[in-house]
All heavy atoms as atom14 arrays in JSON, in Angstrom:
{
  "sequence": "VTHPHAVARGSFVQVAGMTQPGPAPRLTRTPSSVRSPA",
  "atom14_mask": [
    [1, 1, 1, 1, 1, 1, 1, 0, 0, 0, 0, 0, 0, 0],
    [1, 1, 1, 1, 1, 1, 1, 0, 0, 0, 0, 0, 0, 0],
    [1, 1, 1, 1, 1, 1, 1, 1, 1, 1, 0, 0, 0, 0],
    [1, 1, 1, 1, 1, 1, 1, 0, 0, 0, 0, 0, 0, 0],
    [1, 1, 1, 1, 1, 1, 1, 1, 1, 1, 0, 0, 0, 0],
    [1, 1, 1, 1, 1, 0, 0, 0, 0, 0, 0, 0, 0, 0],
    [1, 1, 1, 1, 1, 1, 1, 0, 0, 0, 0, 0, 0, 0],
    [1, 1, 1, 1, 1, 0, 0, 0, 0, 0, 0, 0, 0, 0],
    [1, 1, 1, 1, 1, 1, 1, 1, 1, 1, 1, 0, 0, 0],
    [1, 1, 1, 1, 0, 0, 0, 0, 0, 0, 0, 0, 0, 0],
    [1, 1, 1, 1, 1, 1, 0, 0, 0, 0, 0, 0, 0, 0],
    [1, 1, 1, 1, 1, 1, 1, 1, 1, 1, 1, 0, 0, 0],
    [1, 1, 1, 1, 1, 1, 1, 0, 0, 0, 0, 0, 0, 0],
    [1, 1, 1, 1, 1, 1, 1, 1, 1, 0, 0, 0, 0, 0],
    [1, 1, 1, 1, 1, 1, 1, 0, 0, 0, 0, 0, 0, 0],
    [1, 1, 1, 1, 1, 0, 0, 0, 0, 0, 0, 0, 0, 0],
    [1, 1, 1, 1, 0, 0, 0, 0, 0, 0, 0, 0, 0, 0],
    [1, 1, 1, 1, 1, 1, 1, 1, 0, 0, 0, 0, 0, 0],
    [1, 1, 1, 1, 1, 1, 1, 0, 0, 0, 0, 0, 0, 0],
    [1, 1, 1, 1, 1, 1, 1, 1, 1, 0, 0, 0, 0, 0],
    [1, 1, 1, 1, 1, 1, 1, 0, 0, 0, 0, 0, 0, 0],
    [1, 1, 1, 1, 0, 0, 0, 0, 0, 0, 0, 0, 0, 0],
    [1, 1, 1, 1, 1, 1, 1, 0, 0, 0, 0, 0, 0, 0],
    [1, 1, 1, 1, 1, 0, 0, 0, 0, 0, 0, 0, 0, 0],
    [1, 1, 1, 1, 1, 1, 1, 0, 0, 0, 0, 0, 0, 0],
    [1, 1, 1, 1, 1, 1, 1, 1, 1, 1, 1, 0, 0, 0],
    [1, 1, 1, 1, 1, 1, 1, 1, 0, 0, 0, 0, 0, 0],
    [1, 1, 1, 1, 1, 1, 1, 0, 0, 0, 0, 0, 0, 0],
    [1, 1, 1, 1, 1, 1, 1, 1, 1, 1, 1, 0, 0, 0],
    [1, 1, 1, 1, 1, 1, 1, 0, 0, 0, 0, 0, 0, 0],
    [1, 1, 1, 1, 1, 1, 1, 0, 0, 0, 0, 0, 0, 0],
    [1, 1, 1, 1, 1, 1, 0, 0, 0, 0, 0, 0, 0, 0],
    [1, 1, 1, 1, 1, 1, 0, 0, 0, 0, 0, 0, 0, 0],
    [1, 1, 1, 1, 1, 1, 1, 0, 0, 0, 0, 0, 0, 0],
    [1, 1, 1, 1, 1, 1, 1, 1, 1, 1, 1, 0, 0, 0],
    [1, 1, 1, 1, 1, 1, 0, 0, 0, 0, 0, 0, 0, 0],
    [1, 1, 1, 1, 1, 1, 1, 0, 0, 0, 0, 0, 0, 0],
    [1, 1, 1, 1, 1, 0, 0, 0, 0, 0, 0, 0, 0, 0]
  ],
  "atom14_positions": [
    [[81.83, 26.04, 74.57], [83.21, 26.41, 74.85], [84.16, 25.26, 74.59], [85.3, 25.46, 74.14], [83.34, 26.88, 76.33], [84.79, 27.04, 76.72], [82.57, 28.18, 76.53], [0.0, 0.0, 0.0], [0.0, 0.0, 0.0], [0.0, 0.0, 0.0], [0.0, 0.0, 0.0], [0.0, 0.0, 0.0], [0.0, 0.0, 0.0], [0.0, 0.0, 0.0]],
    [[83.71, 24.05, 74.86], [84.6, 22.88, 74.76], [84.43, 22.11, 73.46], [85.06, 21.06, 73.29], [84.36, 21.93, 75.94], [83.0, 21.48, 75.92], [84.61, 22.64, 77.27], [0.0, 0.0, 0.0], [0.0, 0.0, 0.0], [0.0, 0.0, 0.0], [0.0, 0.0, 0.0], [0.0, 0.0, 0.0], [0.0, 0.0, 0.0], [0.0, 0.0, 0.0]],
    [[83.6, 22.57, 72.55], [83.45, 21.86, 71.29], [84.78, 21.88, 70.54], [85.48, 22.9, 70.51], [82.36, 22.49, 70.43], [82.03, 21.68, 69.22], [82.72, 21.82, 68.03], [81.12, 20.71, 69.02], [82.23, 20.98, 67.14], [81.25, 20.29, 67.71], [0.0, 0.0, 0.0], [0.0, 0.0, 0.0], [0.0, 0.0, 0.0], [0.0, 0.0, 0.0]],
    [[85.16, 20.76, 69.92], [86.47, 20.69, 69.26], [86.72, 21.8, 68.24], [87.85, 22.28, 68.11], [86.44, 19.32, 68.58], [85.53, 18.5, 69.44], [84.47, 19.45, 69.92], [0.0, 0.0, 0.0], [0.0, 0.0, 0.0], [0.0, 0.0, 0.0], [0.0, 0.0, 0.0], [0.0, 0.0, 0.0], [0.0, 0.0, 0.0], [0.0, 0.0, 0.0]],
    [[85.69, 22.22, 67.5], [85.92, 23.28, 66.52], [86.24, 24.6, 67.22], [87.16, 25.32, 66.81], [84.7, 23.46, 65.64], [84.87, 24.51, 64.57], [85.57, 24.27, 63.41], [84.47, 25.81, 64.51], [85.58, 25.37, 62.67], [84.92, 26.33, 63.32], [0.0, 0.0, 0.0], [0.0, 0.0, 0.0], [0.0, 0.0, 0.0], [0.0, 0.0, 0.0]],
    [[85.49, 24.91, 68.28], [85.75, 26.14, 69.02], [87.13, 26.11, 69.65], [87.84, 27.12, 69.69], [84.67, 26.36, 70.09], [0.0, 0.0, 0.0], [0.0, 0.0, 0.0], [0.0, 0.0, 0.0], [0.0, 0.0, 0.0], [0.0, 0.0, 0.0], [0.0, 0.0, 0.0], [0.0, 0.0, 0.0], [0.0, 0.0, 0.0], [0.0, 0.0, 0.0]],
    [[87.53, 24.94, 70.15], [88.86, 24.8, 70.76], [89.95, 25.0, 69.7], [90.94, 25.71, 69.92], [89.0, 23.44, 71.45], [90.43, 23.21, 71.91], [88.03, 23.34, 72.63], [0.0, 0.0, 0.0], [0.0, 0.0, 0.0], [0.0, 0.0, 0.0], [0.0, 0.0, 0.0], [0.0, 0.0, 0.0], [0.0, 0.0, 0.0], [0.0, 0.0, 0.0]],
    [[89.77, 24.38, 68.54], [90.77, 24.47, 67.47], [90.93, 25.91, 66.98], [92.04, 26.35, 66.64], [90.4, 23.55, 66.32], [0.0, 0.0, 0.0], [0.0, 0.0, 0.0], [0.0, 0.0, 0.0], [0.0, 0.0, 0.0], [0.0, 0.0, 0.0], [0.0, 0.0, 0.0], [0.0, 0.0, 0.0], [0.0, 0.0, 0.0], [0.0, 0.0, 0.0]],
    [[89.83, 26.64, 66.93], [89.87, 28.01, 66.45], [90.23, 29.02, 67.54], [90.52, 30.18, 67.24], [88.49, 28.4, 65.9], [88.1, 27.69, 64.62], [88.49, 28.48, 63.41], [87.82, 29.79, 63.35], [88.11, 30.71, 62.43], [89.04, 30.49, 61.53], [87.47, 31.88, 62.42], [0.0, 0.0, 0.0], [0.0, 0.0, 0.0], [0.0, 0.0, 0.0]],
    [[90.19, 28.58, 68.79], [90.38, 29.53, 69.88], [89.25, 30.53, 69.94], [89.45, 31.72, 70.2], [0.0, 0.0, 0.0], [0.0, 0.0, 0.0], [0.0, 0.0, 0.0], [0.0, 0.0, 0.0], [0.0, 0.0, 0.0], [0.0, 0.0, 0.0], [0.0, 0.0, 0.0], [0.0, 0.0, 0.0], [0.0, 0.0, 0.0], [0.0, 0.0, 0.0]],
    [[88.02, 30.05, 69.72], [86.86, 30.93, 69.64], [86.51, 31.57, 70.98], [85.87, 32.62, 71.02], [85.64, 30.16, 69.12], [85.91, 29.6, 67.85], [0.0, 0.0, 0.0], [0.0, 0.0, 0.0], [0.0, 0.0, 0.0], [0.0, 0.0, 0.0], [0.0, 0.0, 0.0], [0.0, 0.0, 0.0], [0.0, 0.0, 0.0], [0.0, 0.0, 0.0]],
    [[86.89, 30.9, 72.06], [86.65, 31.43, 73.4], [87.99, 31.66, 74.08], [88.96, 30.95, 73.82], [85.79, 30.47, 74.22], [84.39, 30.32, 73.69], [84.1, 29.39, 72.68], [83.35, 31.1, 74.18], [82.83, 29.25, 72.18], [82.07, 30.97, 73.68], [81.8, 30.04, 72.68], [0.0, 0.0, 0.0], [0.0, 0.0, 0.0], [0.0, 0.0, 0.0]],
    [[88.03, 32.67, 74.93], [89.28, 33.04, 75.59], [89.06, 33.14, 77.09], [87.94, 33.28, 77.57], [89.81, 34.38, 75.05], [90.16, 34.27, 73.57], [88.8, 35.5, 75.27], [0.0, 0.0, 0.0], [0.0, 0.0, 0.0], [0.0, 0.0, 0.0], [0.0, 0.0, 0.0], [0.0, 0.0, 0.0], [0.0, 0.0, 0.0], [0.0, 0.0, 0.0]],
    [[90.16, 33.06, 77.81], [90.15, 33.25, 79.26], [90.61, 34.67, 79.57], [91.69, 35.08, 79.14], [91.08, 32.24, 79.92], [90.52, 30.83, 80.01], [89.6, 30.65, 81.2], [89.76, 31.29, 82.23], [88.63, 29.78, 81.05], [0.0, 0.0, 0.0], [0.0, 0.0, 0.0], [0.0, 0.0, 0.0], [0.0, 0.0, 0.0], [0.0, 0.0, 0.0]],
    [[89.8, 35.4, 80.29], [90.16, 36.76, 80.7], [89.96, 36.85, 82.21], [88.83, 36.74, 82.69], [89.3, 37.82, 79.99], [89.72, 39.22, 80.42], [89.41, 37.68, 78.47], [0.0, 0.0, 0.0], [0.0, 0.0, 0.0], [0.0, 0.0, 0.0], [0.0, 0.0, 0.0], [0.0, 0.0, 0.0], [0.0, 0.0, 0.0], [0.0, 0.0, 0.0]],
    [[91.06, 36.97, 82.94], [91.01, 37.04, 84.4], [90.23, 35.86, 84.98], [89.44, 36.03, 85.91], [90.4, 38.37, 84.85], [0.0, 0.0, 0.0], [0.0, 0.0, 0.0], [0.0, 0.0, 0.0], [0.0, 0.0, 0.0], [0.0, 0.0, 0.0], [0.0, 0.0, 0.0], [0.0, 0.0, 0.0], [0.0, 0.0, 0.0], [0.0, 0.0, 0.0]],
    [[90.46, 34.69, 84.43], [89.84, 33.48, 84.95], [88.43, 33.22, 84.46], [87.82, 32.21, 84.83], [0.0, 0.0, 0.0], [0.0, 0.0, 0.0], [0.0, 0.0, 0.0], [0.0, 0.0, 0.0], [0.0, 0.0, 0.0], [0.0, 0.0, 0.0], [0.0, 0.0, 0.0], [0.0, 0.0, 0.0], [0.0, 0.0, 0.0], [0.0, 0.0, 0.0]],
    [[87.9, 34.07, 83.62], [86.54, 33.9, 83.11], [86.58, 33.55, 81.63], [87.22, 34.23, 80.83], [85.71, 35.16, 83.3], [84.29, 35.04, 82.79], [83.4, 36.61, 82.87], [81.82, 36.1, 82.19], [0.0, 0.0, 0.0], [0.0, 0.0, 0.0], [0.0, 0.0, 0.0], [0.0, 0.0, 0.0], [0.0, 0.0, 0.0], [0.0, 0.0, 0.0]],
    [[85.86, 32.5, 81.25], [85.76, 32.12, 79.84], [84.7, 32.98, 79.16], [83.6, 33.16, 79.68], [85.39, 30.64, 79.72], [86.37, 29.85, 80.39], [85.32, 30.23, 78.26], [0.0, 0.0, 0.0], [0.0, 0.0, 0.0], [0.0, 0.0, 0.0], [0.0, 0.0, 0.0], [0.0, 0.0, 0.0], [0.0, 0.0, 0.0], [0.0, 0.0, 0.0]],
    [[85.03, 33.49, 77.99], [84.11, 34.36, 77.26], [84.46, 34.32, 75.77], [85.56, 33.9, 75.39], [84.19, 35.79, 77.77], [85.6, 36.38, 77.77], [85.69, 37.63, 78.6], [85.62, 38.73, 78.07], [85.85, 37.46, 79.91], [0.0, 0.0, 0.0], [0.0, 0.0, 0.0], [0.0, 0.0, 0.0], [0.0, 0.0, 0.0], [0.0, 0.0, 0.0]],
    [[83.52, 34.72, 74.91], [83.82, 34.71, 73.47], [85.0, 35.62, 73.15], [85.15, 36.71, 73.71], [82.53, 35.25, 72.85], [81.46, 34.94, 73.85], [82.13, 35.1, 75.19], [0.0, 0.0, 0.0], [0.0, 0.0, 0.0], [0.0, 0.0, 0.0], [0.0, 0.0, 0.0], [0.0, 0.0, 0.0], [0.0, 0.0, 0.0], [0.0, 0.0, 0.0]],
    [[85.84, 35.16, 72.25], [86.97, 35.96, 71.81], [86.55, 36.97, 70.76], [85.41, 37.01, 70.32], [0.0, 0.0, 0.0], [0.0, 0.0, 0.0], [0.0, 0.0, 0.0], [0.0, 0.0, 0.0], [0.0, 0.0, 0.0], [0.0, 0.0, 0.0], [0.0, 0.0, 0.0], [0.0, 0.0, 0.0], [0.0, 0.0, 0.0], [0.0, 0.0, 0.0]],
    [[87.48, 37.85, 70.36], [87.15, 38.89, 69.38], [86.69, 38.3, 68.05], [87.17, 37.26, 67.61], [88.47, 39.64, 69.21], [89.23, 39.39, 70.47], [88.87, 37.99, 70.86], [0.0, 0.0, 0.0], [0.0, 0.0, 0.0], [0.0, 0.0, 0.0], [0.0, 0.0, 0.0], [0.0, 0.0, 0.0], [0.0, 0.0, 0.0], [0.0, 0.0, 0.0]],
    [[85.76, 38.99, 67.43], [85.28, 38.63, 66.09], [84.85, 39.93, 65.4], [84.42, 40.86, 66.06], [84.11, 37.67, 66.19], [0.0, 0.0, 0.0], [0.0, 0.0, 0.0], [0.0, 0.0, 0.0], [0.0, 0.0, 0.0], [0.0, 0.0, 0.0], [0.0, 0.0, 0.0], [0.0, 0.0, 0.0], [0.0, 0.0, 0.0], [0.0, 0.0, 0.0]],
    [[84.99, 40.0, 64.07], [85.57, 39.02, 63.16], [87.09, 39.03, 63.23], [87.69, 39.85, 63.94], [85.08, 39.51, 61.8], [85.0, 41.0, 61.96], [84.53, 41.21, 63.37], [0.0, 0.0, 0.0], [0.0, 0.0, 0.0], [0.0, 0.0, 0.0], [0.0, 0.0, 0.0], [0.0, 0.0, 0.0], [0.0, 0.0, 0.0], [0.0, 0.0, 0.0]],
    [[87.72, 38.15, 62.45], [89.18, 38.03, 62.48], [89.82, 38.72, 61.28], [89.34, 38.61, 60.16], [89.56, 36.55, 62.48], [88.97, 35.81, 63.67], [89.55, 34.42, 63.8], [88.94, 33.72, 64.92], [89.48, 32.68, 65.53], [90.64, 32.2, 65.1], [88.87, 32.1, 66.55], [0.0, 0.0, 0.0], [0.0, 0.0, 0.0], [0.0, 0.0, 0.0]],
    [[90.88, 39.44, 61.56], [91.67, 40.07, 60.51], [93.05, 39.43, 60.52], [93.65, 39.23, 61.58], [91.79, 41.58, 60.74], [90.55, 42.42, 60.38], [89.44, 42.25, 61.41], [90.92, 43.89, 60.24], [0.0, 0.0, 0.0], [0.0, 0.0, 0.0], [0.0, 0.0, 0.0], [0.0, 0.0, 0.0], [0.0, 0.0, 0.0], [0.0, 0.0, 0.0]],
    [[93.56, 39.08, 59.34], [94.79, 38.3, 59.28], [96.04, 39.1, 59.62], [96.94, 38.61, 60.3], [94.96, 37.7, 57.88], [94.95, 38.76, 56.9], [93.85, 36.71, 57.58], [0.0, 0.0, 0.0], [0.0, 0.0, 0.0], [0.0, 0.0, 0.0], [0.0, 0.0, 0.0], [0.0, 0.0, 0.0], [0.0, 0.0, 0.0], [0.0, 0.0, 0.0]],
    [[96.11, 40.36, 59.17], [97.33, 41.12, 59.34], [97.34, 41.97, 60.61], [98.39, 42.2, 61.21], [97.57, 42.01, 58.11], [98.92, 42.71, 58.09], [99.2, 43.34, 56.73], [98.1, 44.18, 56.26], [97.86, 45.43, 56.69], [98.68, 45.98, 57.58], [96.86, 46.12, 56.21], [0.0, 0.0, 0.0], [0.0, 0.0, 0.0], [0.0, 0.0, 0.0]],
    [[96.16, 42.42, 61.02], [96.06, 43.25, 62.25], [95.0, 42.62, 63.15], [93.9, 43.15, 63.28], [95.68, 44.69, 61.91], [94.47, 44.7, 61.14], [96.79, 45.37, 61.13], [0.0, 0.0, 0.0], [0.0, 0.0, 0.0], [0.0, 0.0, 0.0], [0.0, 0.0, 0.0], [0.0, 0.0, 0.0], [0.0, 0.0, 0.0], [0.0, 0.0, 0.0]],
    [[95.31, 41.49, 63.74], [94.28, 40.78, 64.52], [93.83, 41.53, 65.76], [94.6, 42.28, 66.37], [95.0, 39.48, 64.89], [96.46, 39.82, 64.87], [96.61, 40.81, 63.77], [0.0, 0.0, 0.0], [0.0, 0.0, 0.0], [0.0, 0.0, 0.0], [0.0, 0.0, 0.0], [0.0, 0.0, 0.0], [0.0, 0.0, 0.0], [0.0, 0.0, 0.0]],
    [[92.59, 41.31, 66.12], [92.05, 41.86, 67.35], [92.52, 41.03, 68.54], [92.97, 39.9, 68.39], [90.53, 41.87, 67.31], [90.05, 42.63, 66.21], [0.0, 0.0, 0.0], [0.0, 0.0, 0.0], [0.0, 0.0, 0.0], [0.0, 0.0, 0.0], [0.0, 0.0, 0.0], [0.0, 0.0, 0.0], [0.0, 0.0, 0.0], [0.0, 0.0, 0.0]],
    [[92.4, 41.59, 69.73], [92.79, 40.87, 70.94], [92.12, 41.5, 72.14], [91.68, 42.64, 72.1], [94.32, 40.89, 71.12], [94.77, 42.23, 71.31], [0.0, 0.0, 0.0], [0.0, 0.0, 0.0], [0.0, 0.0, 0.0], [0.0, 0.0, 0.0], [0.0, 0.0, 0.0], [0.0, 0.0, 0.0], [0.0, 0.0, 0.0], [0.0, 0.0, 0.0]],
    [[92.05, 40.71, 73.22], [91.54, 41.22, 74.49], [92.74, 41.66, 75.32], [93.59, 40.85, 75.67], [90.73, 40.15, 75.24], [90.23, 40.72, 76.57], [89.56, 39.66, 74.39], [0.0, 0.0, 0.0], [0.0, 0.0, 0.0], [0.0, 0.0, 0.0], [0.0, 0.0, 0.0], [0.0, 0.0, 0.0], [0.0, 0.0, 0.0], [0.0, 0.0, 0.0]],
    [[92.8, 42.94, 75.62], [93.99, 43.48, 76.28], [93.89, 43.56, 77.79], [94.9, 43.62, 78.48], [94.31, 44.86, 75.71], [94.82, 44.8, 74.26], [94.91, 46.17, 73.65], [93.57, 46.74, 73.47], [93.35, 48.01, 73.15], [94.37, 48.83, 73.0], [92.12, 48.46, 72.98], [0.0, 0.0, 0.0], [0.0, 0.0, 0.0], [0.0, 0.0, 0.0]],
    [[92.68, 43.56, 78.33], [92.54, 43.67, 79.78], [91.13, 43.28, 80.19], [90.19, 43.39, 79.38], [92.84, 45.09, 80.25], [91.88, 45.99, 79.73], [0.0, 0.0, 0.0], [0.0, 0.0, 0.0], [0.0, 0.0, 0.0], [0.0, 0.0, 0.0], [0.0, 0.0, 0.0], [0.0, 0.0, 0.0], [0.0, 0.0, 0.0], [0.0, 0.0, 0.0]],
    [[90.94, 42.85, 81.43], [89.59, 42.58, 81.92], [88.86, 43.89, 82.19], [89.44, 44.98, 82.1], [89.84, 41.81, 83.22], [91.18, 42.28, 83.68], [91.97, 42.54, 82.44], [0.0, 0.0, 0.0], [0.0, 0.0, 0.0], [0.0, 0.0, 0.0], [0.0, 0.0, 0.0], [0.0, 0.0, 0.0], [0.0, 0.0, 0.0], [0.0, 0.0, 0.0]],
    [[87.6, 43.77, 82.53], [86.8, 44.97, 82.82], [87.33, 45.69, 84.05], [87.79, 45.05, 85.0], [85.34, 44.56, 83.04], [0.0, 0.0, 0.0], [0.0, 0.0, 0.0], [0.0, 0.0, 0.0], [0.0, 0.0, 0.0], [0.0, 0.0, 0.0], [0.0, 0.0, 0.0], [0.0, 0.0, 0.0], [0.0, 0.0, 0.0], [0.0, 0.0, 0.0]]
  ]
}
């Protein structure tokens, strides 16, 4: 989670206080996102 490459890319995200992998793969024009916790 704290590796510089992961930090630079935003590879992990915070959702309701919990760190977890972010959406993959990435689309440039219509990016994915986490909209709510479980």
